[in-house]
Amino acid sequence: MTQKKPGFEQFFETVDDENKPFVQNLHNYLIDNGCKVTFEEKKNGFLASYKYGKPPRALLNFLFRKQGMLTRIYGEHISGYPDFLNALPPEMVEHIENAGICHKLVHNACSLRCDGYDFMIGGKRFQKCRYNCFEFLMTEESRPFIKSFVEHEIDERK
């Protein structure tokens, strides 16, 4: 018997009340801008994956971890909005600093298909793995920056 794939409603039921308005708003924005979304059940909870463009490429994930709900942004075009990156709050920059390095960029020792990020914030160079570089805990402070980050990325991908 095949199992029905989960939808937005099932995913949304698991979102904590504090994040529900933000998640609903960002979901609507992404769908209205042509993103395709899929939902999967993982060990720690749902994974919502939004893709954009032709061919569709990962733009954003909502995921759950022990510390709470996270948003992972795939900033493939971060070179197009350096002023925004320089305006990120210290809590978000600290996460970027603590994210894993990109072994392909730093040691030329990762998959050929892997593309890390090489960028500057506040005069400091970062060479980070694309899978956790822009993975932010959703807080009152970070939510507006997460939304703006996504808006910048979509504008650059157009």
C-alpha atoms as a PDB file:
ATOM      1  CA  MET A   1       0.000   0.000   0.000  1.00  0.00           C
ATOM      2  CA  THR A   2       1.488   3.341  -0.997  1.00  0.00           C
ATOM      3  CA  GLN A   3       1.646   6.065   1.575  1.00  0.00           C
ATOM      4  CA  LYS A   4       0.275   9.511   0.696  1.00  0.00           C
ATOM      5  CA  LYS A   5       2.914  12.227   0.660  1.00  0.00           C
ATOM      6  CA  PRO A   6       2.501  14.792   3.405  1.00  0.00           C
ATOM      7  CA  GLY A   7       1.249  18.243   2.449  1.00  0.00           C
ATOM      8  CA  PHE A   8       1.521  21.758   3.811  1.00  0.00           C
ATOM      9  CA  GLU A   9      -1.298  21.215   6.308  1.00  0.00           C
ATOM     10  CA  GLN A  10       0.451  18.252   7.965  1.00  0.00           C
ATOM     11  CA  PHE A  11       3.750  20.141   8.073  1.00  0.00           C
ATOM     12  CA  PHE A  12       2.104  23.328   9.388  1.00  0.00           C
ATOM     13  CA  GLU A  13       0.451  21.443  12.274  1.00  0.00           C
ATOM     14  CA  THR A  14       3.943  20.686  13.634  1.00  0.00           C
ATOM     15  CA  VAL A  15       5.145  24.306  13.523  1.00  0.00           C
ATOM     16  CA  ASP A  16       5.234  25.963  16.941  1.00  0.00           C
ATOM     17  CA  ASP A  17       2.731  28.790  17.521  1.00  0.00           C
ATOM     18  CA  GLU A  18       5.487  31.411  17.690  1.00  0.00           C
ATOM     19  CA  ASN A  19       6.624  30.620  14.129  1.00  0.00           C
ATOM     20  CA  LYS A  20       3.244  29.869  12.489  1.00  0.00           C
ATOM     21  CA  PRO A  21       2.549  33.417  11.163  1.00  0.00           C
ATOM     22  CA  PHE A  22       6.077  33.709   9.753  1.00  0.00           C
ATOM     23  CA  VAL A  23       6.021  30.255   8.147  1.00  0.00           C
ATOM     24  CA  GLN A  24       2.581  30.865   6.603  1.00  0.00           C
ATOM     25  CA  ASN A  25       3.673  34.261   5.254  1.00  0.00           C
ATOM     26  CA  LEU A  26       6.951  32.978   3.810  1.00  0.00           C
ATOM     27  CA  HIS A  27       5.257  29.882   2.344  1.00  0.00           C
ATOM     28  CA  ASN A  28       2.690  32.114   0.583  1.00  0.00           C
ATOM     29  CA  TYR A  29       5.444  34.432  -0.688  1.00  0.00           C
ATOM     30  CA  LEU A  30       7.468  31.512  -2.080  1.00  0.00           C
ATOM     31  CA  ILE A  31       4.469  29.877  -3.787  1.00  0.00           C
ATOM     32  CA  ASP A  32       3.320  33.246  -5.204  1.00  0.00           C
ATOM     33  CA  ASN A  33       6.811  33.693  -6.690  1.00  0.00           C
ATOM     34  CA  GLY A  34       6.797  30.358  -8.500  1.00  0.00           C
ATOM     35  CA  CYS A  35       8.498  28.032  -6.036  1.00  0.00           C
ATOM     36  CA  LYS A  36       7.675  24.349  -5.965  1.00  0.00           C
ATOM     37  CA  VAL A  37       7.499  22.697  -2.546  1.00  0.00           C
ATOM     38  CA  THR A  38       7.782  19.155  -1.217  1.00  0.00           C
ATOM     39  CA  PHE A  39       7.387  17.809   2.306  1.00  0.00           C
ATOM     40  CA  GLU A  40       9.103  14.805   3.851  1.00  0.00           C
ATOM     41  CA  GLU A  41       8.947  13.258   7.293  1.00  0.00           C
ATOM     42  CA  LYS A  42      12.399  12.990   8.858  1.00  0.00           C
ATOM     43  CA  LYS A  43      13.652  11.701  12.201  1.00  0.00           C
ATOM     44  CA  ASN A  44      13.505  15.162  13.820  1.00  0.00           C
ATOM     45  CA  GLY A  45      10.249  16.237  12.142  1.00  0.00           C
ATOM     46  CA  PHE A  46       9.188  17.487   8.754  1.00  0.00           C
ATOM     47  CA  LEU A  47      11.470  18.903   6.084  1.00  0.00           C
ATOM     48  CA  ALA A  48       9.865  21.433   3.760  1.00  0.00           C
ATOM     49  CA  SER A  49      11.927  22.001   0.620  1.00  0.00           C
ATOM     50  CA  TYR A  50      11.289  24.917  -1.757  1.00  0.00           C
ATOM     51  CA  LYS A  51      12.843  25.004  -5.217  1.00  0.00           C
ATOM     52  CA  TYR A  52      12.920  27.860  -7.686  1.00  0.00           C
ATOM     53  CA  GLY A  53      13.780  28.357 -11.353  1.00  0.00           C
ATOM     54  CA  LYS A  54      14.233  26.298 -14.484  1.00  0.00           C
ATOM     55  CA  PRO A  55      15.670  23.852 -13.810  1.00  0.00           C
ATOM     56  CA  PRO A  56      14.356  23.968 -10.244  1.00  0.00           C
ATOM     57  CA  ARG A  57      17.163  24.490  -7.717  1.00  0.00           C
ATOM     58  CA  ALA A  58      16.976  24.455  -3.942  1.00  0.00           C
ATOM     59  CA  LEU A  59      16.170  27.854  -2.444  1.00  0.00           C
ATOM     60  CA  LEU A  60      15.007  27.193   1.114  1.00  0.00           C
ATOM     61  CA  ASN A  61      14.288  24.442   3.629  1.00  0.00           C
ATOM     62  CA  PHE A  62      12.320  24.536   6.837  1.00  0.00           C
ATOM     63  CA  LEU A  63      13.662  21.891   9.205  1.00  0.00           C
ATOM     64  CA  PHE A  64      13.451  20.896  12.830  1.00  0.00           C
ATOM     65  CA  ARG A  65      16.338  20.337  15.248  1.00  0.00           C
ATOM     66  CA  LYS A  66      16.647  19.980  19.018  1.00  0.00           C
ATOM     67  CA  GLN A  67      17.142  23.733  19.455  1.00  0.00           C
ATOM     68  CA  GLY A  68      14.006  24.541  17.446  1.00  0.00           C
ATOM     69  CA  MET A  69      12.846  25.258  13.923  1.00  0.00           C
ATOM     70  CA  LEU A  70      15.494  26.314  11.423  1.00  0.00           C
ATOM     71  CA  THR A  71      15.496  27.865   7.988  1.00  0.00           C
ATOM     72  CA  ARG A  72      18.231  26.856   5.540  1.00  0.00           C
ATOM     73  CA  ILE A  73      18.725  29.285   2.664  1.00  0.00           C
ATOM     74  CA  TYR A  74      20.701  28.366  -0.435  1.00  0.00           C
ATOM     75  CA  GLY A  75      22.357  31.689  -1.302  1.00  0.00           C
ATOM     76  CA  GLU A  76      23.681  30.839  -4.744  1.00  0.00           C
ATOM     77  CA  HIS A  77      23.699  34.512  -5.747  1.00  0.00           C
ATOM     78  CA  ILE A  78      24.998  36.152  -2.570  1.00  0.00           C
ATOM     79  CA  SER A  79      27.504  38.166  -4.580  1.00  0.00           C
ATOM     80  CA  GLY A  80      24.530  40.217  -5.807  1.00  0.00           C
ATOM     81  CA  TYR A  81      23.582  41.557  -2.368  1.00  0.00           C
ATOM     82  CA  PRO A  82      26.716  42.183  -0.254  1.00  0.00           C
ATOM     83  CA  ASP A  83      25.147  45.191   1.520  1.00  0.00           C
ATOM     84  CA  PHE A  84      22.416  42.936   2.871  1.00  0.00           C
ATOM     85  CA  LEU A  85      24.946  40.403   4.200  1.00  0.00           C
ATOM     86  CA  ASN A  86      26.807  43.225   5.956  1.00  0.00           C
ATOM     87  CA  ALA A  87      23.546  44.240   7.669  1.00  0.00           C
ATOM     88  CA  LEU A  88      22.882  40.811   9.243  1.00  0.00           C
ATOM     89  CA  PRO A  89      22.563  40.878  13.031  1.00  0.00           C
ATOM     90  CA  PRO A  90      25.467  39.526  15.116  1.00  0.00           C
ATOM     91  CA  GLU A  91      23.536  36.367  16.093  1.00  0.00           C
ATOM     92  CA  MET A  92      23.195  35.371  12.416  1.00  0.00           C
ATOM     93  CA  VAL A  93      26.806  36.267  11.563  1.00  0.00           C
ATOM     94  CA  GLU A  94      27.936  34.183  14.531  1.00  0.00           C
ATOM     95  CA  HIS A  95      26.078  31.187  13.128  1.00  0.00           C
ATOM     96  CA  ILE A  96      27.803  31.697   9.764  1.00  0.00           C
ATOM     97  CA  GLU A  97      31.177  31.888  11.536  1.00  0.00           C
ATOM     98  CA  ASN A  98      30.442  28.614  13.339  1.00  0.00           C
ATOM     99  CA  ALA A  99      29.213  26.797  10.219  1.00  0.00           C
ATOM    100  CA  GLY A 100      31.450  24.174   8.641  1.00  0.00           C
ATOM    101  CA  ILE A 101      34.043  25.142   6.086  1.00  0.00           C
ATOM    102  CA  CYS A 102      33.658  24.146   2.457  1.00  0.00           C
ATOM    103  CA  HIS A 103      36.202  21.374   2.005  1.00  0.00           C
ATOM    104  CA  LYS A 104      36.136  21.813  -1.759  1.00  0.00           C
ATOM    105  CA  LEU A 105      37.064  25.506  -1.568  1.00  0.00           C
ATOM    106  CA  VAL A 106      39.551  25.168   1.294  1.00  0.00           C
ATOM    107  CA  HIS A 107      41.142  21.731   0.716  1.00  0.00           C
ATOM    108  CA  ASN A 108      39.880  20.747  -2.778  1.00  0.00           C
ATOM    109  CA  ALA A 109      38.631  17.589  -1.067  1.00  0.00           C
ATOM    110  CA  CYS A 110      34.885  17.371  -1.548  1.00  0.00           C
ATOM    111  CA  SER A 111      32.529  16.158  -4.212  1.00  0.00           C
ATOM    112  CA  LEU A 112      32.937  17.716  -7.635  1.00  0.00           C
ATOM    113  CA  ARG A 113      29.234  18.565  -7.562  1.00  0.00           C
ATOM    114  CA  CYS A 114      29.541  20.463  -4.273  1.00  0.00           C
ATOM    115  CA  ASP A 115      29.613  24.231  -4.519  1.00  0.00           C
ATOM    116  CA  GLY A 116      30.379  26.073  -1.318  1.00  0.00           C
ATOM    117  CA  TYR A 117      30.123  29.785  -0.699  1.00  0.00           C
ATOM    118  CA  ASP A 118      33.039  32.226  -0.806  1.00  0.00           C
ATOM    119  CA  PHE A 119      31.992  35.674   0.414  1.00  0.00           C
ATOM    120  CA  MET A 120      32.775  38.577   2.726  1.00  0.00           C
ATOM    121  CA  ILE A 121      30.927  40.051   5.696  1.00  0.00           C
ATOM    122  CA  GLY A 122      32.376  43.087   7.429  1.00  0.00           C
ATOM    123  CA  GLY A 123      35.737  42.650   5.724  1.00  0.00           C
ATOM    124  CA  LYS A 124      36.040  39.015   6.863  1.00  0.00           C
ATOM    125  CA  ARG A 125      36.235  36.232   4.278  1.00  0.00           C
ATOM    126  CA  PHE A 126      34.103  33.129   4.661  1.00  0.00           C
ATOM    127  CA  GLN A 127      34.431  29.857   2.732  1.00  0.00           C
ATOM    128  CA  LYS A 128      31.519  27.786   3.974  1.00  0.00           C
ATOM    129  CA  CYS A 129      29.608  24.626   3.130  1.00  0.00           C
ATOM    130  CA  ARG A 130      26.351  25.313   1.311  1.00  0.00           C
ATOM    131  CA  TYR A 131      24.418  22.886   3.504  1.00  0.00           C
ATOM    132  CA  ASN A 132      24.762  24.700   6.817  1.00  0.00           C
ATOM    133  CA  CYS A 133      26.201  28.128   6.073  1.00  0.00           C
ATOM    134  CA  PHE A 134      22.869  29.956   6.009  1.00  0.00           C
ATOM    135  CA  GLU A 135      20.954  27.740   8.423  1.00  0.00           C
ATOM    136  CA  PHE A 136      19.323  30.009  10.992  1.00  0.00           C
ATOM    137  CA  LEU A 137      17.269  29.386  14.099  1.00  0.00           C
ATOM    138  CA  MET A 138      13.984  31.236  13.671  1.00  0.00           C
ATOM    139  CA  THR A 139      13.809  33.939  16.349  1.00  0.00           C
ATOM    140  CA  GLU A 140      12.075  37.278  16.695  1.00  0.00           C
ATOM    141  CA  GLU A 141      15.300  38.961  15.561  1.00  0.00           C
ATOM    142  CA  SER A 142      16.176  36.600  12.700  1.00  0.00           C
ATOM    143  CA  ARG A 143      12.759  36.185  11.037  1.00  0.00           C
ATOM    144  CA  PRO A 144      12.698  39.570   9.220  1.00  0.00           C
ATOM    145  CA  PHE A 145      16.260  38.988   7.972  1.00  0.00           C
ATOM    146  CA  ILE A 146      15.398  35.464   6.795  1.00  0.00           C
ATOM    147  CA  LYS A 147      12.488  36.855   4.749  1.00  0.00           C
ATOM    148  CA  SER A 148      14.653  39.625   3.302  1.00  0.00           C
ATOM    149  CA  PHE A 149      17.420  37.128   2.510  1.00  0.00           C
ATOM    150  CA  VAL A 150      14.952  34.994   0.538  1.00  0.00           C
ATOM    151  CA  GLU A 151      13.618  38.068  -1.296  1.00  0.00           C
ATOM    152  CA  HIS A 152      17.152  39.104  -2.284  1.00  0.00           C
ATOM    153  CA  GLU A 153      17.970  35.589  -3.506  1.00  0.00           C
ATOM    154  CA  ILE A 154      14.815  35.312  -5.605  1.00  0.00           C
ATOM    155  CA  ASP A 155      15.433  38.761  -7.133  1.00  0.00           C
ATOM    156  CA  GLU A 156      18.956  37.716  -8.115  1.00  0.00           C
ATOM    157  CA  ARG A 157      17.808  34.403  -9.578  1.00  0.00           C
ATOM    158  CA  LYS A 158      15.209  36.060 -11.836  1.00  0.00           C
END
